[in-house]
């Protein structure tokens, strides 16, 4: 079975978020013997050497129309078809994210990670929701299967489009890379930056934006600053509307205990997960919430918001809190940081929970989606 695997994030120079999803899923699909998967992108942000290596290792092909013309042609002309553009005759075309419509006459699968710009616009004011709306309506008309990364996202899609779409919805959870289950001594960590302090720390990962709710983490730590000695480490860099949070950091009474490391490479990220006393993700909205599973795989206790997909992914292996309640978040942070037995319980439960999410299972489930679609086409 030949699969054209469309993902702009696959060839992005940074590897977090949707890029991690695309790369890990691709690698797992490549291990399935009866699949021939070709990754394609409209563009790449990689330098020439990295691009050449990725093309050699994966067979990546880039659109000759480039970054600007490809989406324009597909959005407004539904042309040229991807199979013509890349001179392929795939059995299935899979778009791994709801970026923009993909022109194709072949059986078509789209992965939807979330509908945030459409359903929670207060957290995505920097986006162009009409682009997602256009891509979603294109998927509604053309996709034989719409894969959602969580039941929460699937329910959101069904509510937004209507009950008629439900027979085409498939829930396929993402996975956790095996590297996160390894001790930091088991991989090359030469690129990891040494921490500028020796105190225990609480970690939160994700681009700073209102949705990620970093400001409430800062306020919560301020409330318990005399009870626990922990610092706060923020990883991910600046997202949209980060300026108010950055001002909160500078003006915070615990500014000397806050360390904004911005974007870090994967080795550094794994070290931080391993060394953290606690991982916190009080996000107001997530389509899946992969970082909580990465933290769990690393043996780190987790606090997560009781909102959107996070309870579904965390199960009973994390402490779930109201993301709007600074007091509830502060009390949970204090309790776990001062209670070794509770921290150990969460570590054990989290590790077991993370083992339920593998890229191998994700790829096998996706293979089943492809096979069903091809079988339907053959009827």
Protein backbone atom coordinates (compact mmCIF):
# COMPACT_ATOMS: atom_id res chain seq x y z
CA UNK A 1 0.00 0.00 0.00
CA UNK A 2 1.46 3.33 -1.09
CA UNK A 3 0.85 6.33 1.17
CA UNK A 4 1.61 9.96 0.38
CA UNK A 5 2.26 11.48 3.79
CA UNK A 6 1.73 15.25 3.65
CA UNK A 7 3.19 17.28 6.53
CA UNK A 8 4.87 20.67 6.47
CA UNK A 9 5.86 20.13 10.10
CA UNK A 10 7.80 17.00 9.12
CA UNK A 11 10.43 19.23 7.50
CA UNK A 12 10.39 21.95 10.16
CA UNK A 13 13.73 22.76 11.76
CA UNK A 14 12.21 22.41 15.23
CA UNK A 15 10.94 19.09 16.44
CA UNK A 16 8.25 19.72 19.04
CA UNK A 17 4.46 19.60 18.76
CA UNK A 18 3.06 18.69 15.33
CA UNK A 19 6.57 18.03 14.02
CA UNK A 20 7.12 15.38 16.69
CA UNK A 21 3.77 13.80 15.82
CA UNK A 22 4.55 13.66 12.09
CA UNK A 23 8.08 12.32 12.49
CA UNK A 24 7.29 9.69 15.09
CA UNK A 25 4.23 8.45 13.22
CA UNK A 26 6.21 8.30 9.97
CA UNK A 27 9.00 6.31 11.63
CA UNK A 28 6.50 3.84 13.08
CA UNK A 29 4.63 3.47 9.78
CA UNK A 30 7.91 2.72 8.01
CA UNK A 31 8.29 -0.36 10.22
CA UNK A 32 5.09 -1.88 8.82
CA UNK A 33 6.21 -4.16 6.01
CA UNK A 34 3.29 -3.72 3.62
CA UNK A 35 3.37 0.09 3.65
CA UNK A 36 5.40 2.34 1.34
CA UNK A 37 5.24 5.81 2.90
CA UNK A 38 6.58 8.90 1.13
CA UNK A 39 6.70 12.16 3.13
CA UNK A 40 5.97 15.34 1.19
CA UNK A 41 5.97 18.99 2.26
CA UNK A 42 5.29 22.34 0.68
CA UNK A 43 8.41 23.84 2.26
CA UNK A 44 11.17 23.38 4.80
CA UNK A 45 12.83 25.63 7.37
CA UNK A 46 15.87 23.36 7.64
CA UNK A 47 19.32 24.45 6.59
CA UNK A 48 20.65 22.79 3.41
CA UNK A 49 22.67 20.13 5.24
CA UNK A 50 19.82 19.07 7.52
CA UNK A 51 17.42 19.10 4.58
CA UNK A 52 19.72 16.90 2.53
CA UNK A 53 20.06 14.42 5.38
CA UNK A 54 16.29 14.27 5.90
CA UNK A 55 15.69 13.77 2.17
CA UNK A 56 18.25 10.96 2.12
CA UNK A 57 16.97 9.25 5.27
CA UNK A 58 13.23 9.57 4.67
CA UNK A 59 12.72 10.16 0.97
CA UNK A 60 11.19 13.58 1.67
CA UNK A 61 9.98 15.46 -1.40
CA UNK A 62 9.21 19.18 -1.52
CA UNK A 63 6.52 20.85 -3.59
CA UNK A 64 7.94 22.64 -6.65
CA UNK A 65 5.31 25.34 -6.08
CA UNK A 66 6.91 26.30 -2.76
CA UNK A 67 5.58 27.71 0.48
CA UNK A 68 3.30 30.43 -0.96
CA UNK A 69 1.91 29.00 -4.19
CA UNK A 70 1.09 25.52 -2.85
CA UNK A 71 -1.57 26.66 -0.33
CA UNK A 72 -2.91 29.31 -2.70
CA UNK A 73 -3.38 26.79 -5.51
CA UNK A 74 -4.98 24.20 -3.24
CA UNK A 75 -7.21 26.67 -1.41
CA UNK A 76 -8.55 28.51 -4.43
CA UNK A 77 -8.14 26.15 -7.39
CA UNK A 78 -8.08 22.67 -5.80
CA UNK A 79 -5.23 22.09 -8.22
CA UNK A 80 -2.74 20.65 -9.02
CA UNK A 81 -3.62 17.33 -7.42
CA UNK A 82 -0.93 16.13 -5.05
CA UNK A 83 -0.49 12.90 -6.98
CA UNK A 84 0.24 14.93 -10.14
CA UNK A 85 2.44 17.43 -8.33
CA UNK A 86 4.72 14.68 -7.02
CA UNK A 87 4.24 12.23 -9.94
CA UNK A 88 2.88 9.52 -7.64
CA UNK A 89 -0.11 7.20 -7.67
CA UNK A 90 -0.72 6.60 -3.99
CA UNK A 91 -3.40 4.32 -2.58
CA UNK A 92 -3.94 6.83 0.22
CA UNK A 93 -3.10 10.49 0.81
CA UNK A 94 -2.72 11.38 4.49
CA UNK A 95 -2.56 15.00 5.67
CA UNK A 96 -1.20 14.83 9.22
CA UNK A 97 -2.65 18.18 10.34
CA UNK A 98 -5.52 20.49 9.46
CA UNK A 99 -3.32 23.18 7.91
CA UNK A 100 -4.90 23.82 4.54
CA UNK A 101 -6.82 21.72 1.99
CA UNK A 102 -4.84 19.16 0.04
CA UNK A 103 -5.94 18.74 -3.56
CA UNK A 104 -6.29 15.06 -4.41
CA UNK A 105 -8.50 12.55 -6.22
CA UNK A 106 -7.15 9.65 -4.16
CA UNK A 107 -8.62 8.22 -0.93
CA UNK A 108 -7.93 10.92 1.63
CA UNK A 109 -7.24 10.88 5.38
CA UNK A 110 -6.90 13.99 7.52
CA UNK A 111 -5.65 14.12 11.12
CA UNK A 112 -7.23 16.78 13.31
CA UNK A 113 -5.36 17.67 16.48
CA UNK A 114 -7.82 20.29 17.70
CA UNK A 115 -10.29 22.92 16.51
CA UNK A 116 -9.07 25.58 18.92
CA UNK A 117 -9.14 28.60 16.57
CA UNK A 118 -12.77 27.79 15.72
CA UNK A 119 -14.12 26.67 19.09
CA UNK A 120 -11.92 28.64 21.52
CA UNK A 121 -10.96 31.78 19.57
CA UNK A 122 -10.08 33.65 22.79
CA UNK A 123 -6.93 31.50 22.99
CA UNK A 124 -5.98 31.78 19.29
CA UNK A 125 -6.42 35.41 18.35
CA UNK A 126 -3.17 35.39 16.34
CA UNK A 127 -4.47 32.79 13.89
CA UNK A 128 -6.53 33.03 10.73
CA UNK A 129 -9.54 30.86 11.59
CA UNK A 130 -10.87 30.99 8.04
CA UNK A 131 -7.89 28.87 6.95
CA UNK A 132 -8.81 26.12 9.41
CA UNK A 133 -12.49 26.52 8.55
CA UNK A 134 -11.72 26.09 4.86
CA UNK A 135 -9.54 23.04 5.51
CA UNK A 136 -12.17 21.51 7.80
CA UNK A 137 -14.96 21.97 5.26
CA UNK A 138 -12.71 20.49 2.57
CA UNK A 139 -12.12 17.45 4.81
CA UNK A 140 -15.86 17.23 5.44
CA UNK A 141 -16.49 17.06 1.68
CA UNK A 142 -13.54 14.93 0.61
CA UNK A 143 -11.94 12.89 3.40
CA UNK A 144 -12.93 9.27 3.64
CA UNK A 145 -11.63 9.20 7.20
CA UNK A 146 -11.01 11.98 9.72
CA UNK A 147 -8.58 10.89 12.41
CA UNK A 148 -8.79 12.70 15.75
CA UNK A 149 -5.99 12.45 18.29
CA UNK A 150 -8.42 12.25 21.23
CA UNK A 151 -12.06 11.50 21.93
CA UNK A 152 -12.32 15.09 23.12
CA UNK A 153 -11.26 16.34 19.68
CA UNK A 154 -13.60 13.88 17.93
CA UNK A 155 -16.54 15.11 20.01
CA UNK A 156 -15.56 18.68 19.17
CA UNK A 157 -15.51 17.90 15.44
CA UNK A 158 -18.89 16.15 15.61
CA UNK A 159 -20.41 19.07 17.51
CA UNK A 160 -19.00 21.61 15.07
CA UNK A 161 -19.84 19.79 11.81
CA UNK A 162 -22.87 17.79 12.90
CA UNK A 163 -23.76 14.16 13.55
CA UNK A 164 -23.45 13.22 9.86
CA UNK A 165 -19.65 13.25 10.20
CA UNK A 166 -19.47 10.71 13.04
CA UNK A 167 -19.23 7.57 10.85
CA UNK A 168 -16.02 8.95 9.35
CA UNK A 169 -14.39 9.90 12.66
CA UNK A 170 -11.61 7.69 14.02
CA UNK A 171 -9.86 8.25 17.36
CA UNK A 172 -6.17 7.36 17.14
CA UNK A 173 -4.09 8.48 20.10
CA UNK A 174 -0.52 9.60 19.61
CA UNK A 175 2.38 7.89 21.30
CA UNK A 176 5.37 8.56 23.53
CA UNK A 177 8.88 8.20 22.14
CA UNK A 178 10.86 5.41 23.78
CA UNK A 179 13.66 7.88 24.57
CA UNK A 180 11.54 9.44 27.31
CA UNK A 181 11.46 6.14 29.20
CA UNK A 182 15.28 5.99 29.32
CA UNK A 183 17.49 7.33 32.09
CA UNK A 184 19.31 10.48 31.05
CA UNK A 185 22.59 8.58 31.29
CA UNK A 186 21.36 6.32 28.49
CA UNK A 187 21.55 8.99 25.81
CA UNK A 188 23.97 11.65 24.63
CA UNK A 189 23.19 14.77 26.66
CA UNK A 190 26.19 16.83 25.61
CA UNK A 191 23.88 19.51 24.22
CA UNK A 192 22.02 19.94 27.51
CA UNK A 193 22.50 23.30 29.17
CA UNK A 194 23.45 23.18 32.86
CA UNK A 195 20.81 24.66 35.14
CA UNK A 196 21.80 27.93 36.81
CA UNK A 197 20.66 26.74 40.26
CA UNK A 198 20.74 23.69 42.55
CA UNK A 199 17.24 23.87 44.02
CA UNK A 200 14.47 21.40 43.11
CA UNK A 201 12.22 22.69 40.37
CA UNK A 202 8.76 22.49 38.84
CA UNK A 203 8.65 22.21 35.04
CA UNK A 204 6.10 23.44 32.51
CA UNK A 205 6.49 22.94 28.75
CA UNK A 206 4.79 24.80 25.90
CA UNK A 207 5.01 28.11 24.10
CA UNK A 208 4.01 30.95 26.41
CA UNK A 209 0.48 32.07 25.49
CA UNK A 210 -2.78 32.69 27.36
CA UNK A 211 -3.96 29.14 26.63
CA UNK A 212 -0.99 27.54 28.39
CA UNK A 213 -1.84 29.43 31.61
CA UNK A 214 1.76 29.97 32.76
CA UNK A 215 0.65 33.07 34.67
CA UNK A 216 -1.38 30.93 37.09
CA UNK A 217 1.61 28.66 37.68
CA UNK A 218 3.65 31.72 38.66
CA UNK A 219 0.91 32.97 40.97
CA UNK A 220 0.47 29.53 42.52
CA UNK A 221 4.18 29.18 43.27
CA UNK A 222 4.13 32.68 44.78
CA UNK A 223 1.40 31.56 47.19
CA UNK A 224 3.48 28.67 48.53
CA UNK A 225 6.94 30.18 48.18
CA UNK A 226 7.58 30.02 51.93
CA UNK A 227 6.49 26.37 52.18
CA UNK A 228 8.46 24.83 49.29
CA UNK A 229 11.91 25.81 47.98
CA UNK A 230 11.17 24.90 44.37
CA UNK A 231 12.05 27.01 41.36
CA UNK A 232 9.98 27.15 38.16
CA UNK A 233 11.47 26.21 34.78
CA UNK A 234 9.55 27.26 31.65
CA UNK A 235 10.40 25.65 28.30
CA UNK A 236 9.00 26.29 24.84
CA UNK A 237 9.66 29.89 23.90
CA UNK A 238 7.23 32.68 23.17
CA UNK A 239 3.85 32.10 21.58
CA UNK A 240 1.30 34.75 20.71
CA UNK A 241 0.49 37.38 23.34
CA UNK A 242 3.42 36.27 25.50
CA UNK A 243 4.29 39.83 26.52
CA UNK A 244 1.93 40.04 29.56
CA UNK A 245 3.35 36.79 30.95
CA UNK A 246 6.93 37.98 30.41
CA UNK A 247 6.06 41.17 32.31
CA UNK A 248 4.56 39.05 35.09
CA UNK A 249 7.83 37.14 35.33
CA UNK A 250 9.93 40.29 35.58
CA UNK A 251 7.57 41.84 38.13
CA UNK A 252 7.02 38.69 40.17
CA UNK A 253 8.10 38.54 43.79
CA UNK A 254 9.73 35.20 42.97
CA UNK A 255 11.49 36.39 39.82
CA UNK A 256 14.77 34.95 41.11
CA UNK A 257 13.15 31.51 41.14
CA UNK A 258 11.76 31.61 37.58
CA UNK A 259 13.90 30.40 34.68
CA UNK A 260 12.56 30.83 31.14
CA UNK A 261 14.76 28.59 28.98
CA UNK A 262 12.78 29.21 25.76
CA UNK A 263 13.20 26.51 23.11
CA UNK A 264 15.47 23.57 24.01
CA UNK A 265 16.61 20.54 22.05
CA UNK A 266 15.28 17.06 22.75
CA UNK A 267 18.24 15.95 24.86
CA UNK A 268 17.84 18.95 27.15
CA UNK A 269 14.10 18.44 27.33
CA UNK A 270 14.49 14.83 28.42
CA UNK A 271 16.99 15.84 31.08
CA UNK A 272 14.61 18.48 32.40
CA UNK A 273 11.73 16.01 32.60
CA UNK A 274 13.95 13.57 34.49
CA UNK A 275 15.28 16.13 36.94
CA UNK A 276 12.00 17.92 37.64
CA UNK A 277 10.30 17.31 40.96
CA UNK A 278 6.94 17.99 39.33
CA UNK A 279 5.49 18.69 35.90
CA UNK A 280 2.54 21.08 35.58
CA UNK A 281 0.24 21.61 32.59
CA UNK A 282 -2.75 23.73 33.69
CA UNK A 283 -3.65 24.56 30.09
CA UNK A 284 -7.16 25.83 29.39
CA UNK A 285 -7.32 23.87 26.15
CA UNK A 286 -5.40 20.99 24.56
CA UNK A 287 -6.22 18.63 21.72
CA UNK A 288 -4.04 15.86 23.18
CA UNK A 289 -1.45 17.06 25.69
CA UNK A 290 1.59 14.96 24.76
CA UNK A 291 3.93 16.64 27.31
CA UNK A 292 2.06 15.08 30.24
CA UNK A 293 2.79 11.63 28.81
CA UNK A 294 6.42 12.56 28.18
CA UNK A 295 6.71 13.66 31.81
CA UNK A 296 5.04 10.47 33.03
CA UNK A 297 7.37 8.33 30.91
CA UNK A 298 10.28 10.20 32.49
CA UNK A 299 9.10 9.28 35.98
CA UNK A 300 7.87 12.76 36.91
CA UNK A 301 4.67 13.43 38.90
CA UNK A 302 2.10 15.39 36.91
CA UNK A 303 -0.52 18.04 37.63
CA UNK A 304 -2.85 18.75 34.70
CA UNK A 305 -5.97 20.78 34.06
CA UNK A 306 -9.32 19.05 34.28
CA UNK A 307 -10.21 20.56 30.89
CA UNK A 308 -10.57 19.45 27.24
CA UNK A 309 -8.56 16.29 26.42
CA UNK A 310 -6.26 16.24 29.45
CA UNK A 311 -8.40 14.04 31.75
CA UNK A 312 -8.77 11.54 28.89
CA UNK A 313 -5.01 11.31 28.36
CA UNK A 314 -3.92 11.51 32.01
CA UNK A 315 -6.51 9.08 33.34
CA UNK A 316 -6.04 8.51 37.08
CA UNK A 317 -2.27 8.96 36.87
CA UNK A 318 -2.19 12.74 37.43
CA UNK A 319 -3.67 15.25 39.84
CA UNK A 320 -6.35 17.17 37.92
CA UNK A 321 -7.13 20.75 38.89
CA UNK A 322 -9.36 23.60 37.81
CA UNK A 323 -7.02 25.66 35.59
CA UNK A 324 -8.74 28.88 36.66
CA UNK A 325 -8.13 28.26 40.38
CA UNK A 326 -4.73 29.51 41.49
CA UNK A 327 -5.45 28.29 45.02
CA UNK A 328 -6.23 24.73 43.90
CA UNK A 329 -3.11 24.63 41.76
CA UNK A 330 -0.96 26.01 44.60
CA UNK A 331 -2.30 23.46 47.09
CA UNK A 332 -1.65 20.56 44.69
CA UNK A 333 1.89 21.80 44.02
CA UNK A 334 2.56 22.18 47.73
CA UNK A 335 1.10 18.78 48.57
CA UNK A 336 3.10 16.83 46.01
CA UNK A 337 6.36 18.66 46.64
CA UNK A 338 6.12 17.99 50.40
CA UNK A 339 4.75 14.44 50.26
CA UNK A 340 7.26 11.90 49.00
CA UNK A 341 4.81 8.99 49.12
CA UNK A 342 2.27 10.86 46.99
CA UNK A 343 4.99 11.84 44.54
CA UNK A 344 6.13 8.22 44.32
CA UNK A 345 2.55 7.05 43.76
CA UNK A 346 2.14 9.48 40.88
CA UNK A 347 5.48 8.46 39.38
CA UNK A 348 4.49 4.79 39.34
CA UNK A 349 0.98 5.46 38.05
CA UNK A 350 2.25 7.87 35.44
CA UNK A 351 4.86 5.48 34.10
CA UNK A 352 2.24 2.75 33.71
CA UNK A 353 -0.16 5.19 32.04
CA UNK A 354 2.44 6.38 29.55
CA UNK A 355 3.16 2.79 28.52
CA UNK A 356 -0.39 2.62 27.11
CA UNK A 357 0.52 5.18 24.44
CA UNK A 358 3.02 3.93 21.86
CA UNK A 359 3.82 5.05 18.33
CA UNK A 360 3.72 1.41 17.29
CA UNK A 361 0.07 1.19 18.35
CA UNK A 362 -0.64 4.56 16.73
CA UNK A 363 0.86 3.34 13.44
CA UNK A 364 -1.03 0.04 13.57
CA UNK A 365 -4.29 1.88 14.18
CA UNK A 366 -3.51 4.25 11.32
CA UNK A 367 -2.69 1.30 9.08
CA UNK A 368 -6.16 -0.07 9.83
CA UNK A 369 -7.68 3.29 8.84
CA UNK A 370 -5.77 3.23 5.54
CA UNK A 371 -6.79 -0.37 4.84
CA UNK A 372 -10.45 0.28 5.49
CA UNK A 373 -10.39 3.29 3.20
CA UNK A 374 -8.71 1.37 0.38
CA UNK A 375 -11.19 -1.48 0.80
CA UNK A 376 -14.09 0.98 0.57
CA UNK A 377 -12.59 2.49 -2.57
CA UNK A 378 -12.34 -0.96 -4.17
CA UNK A 379 -16.02 -1.76 -3.67
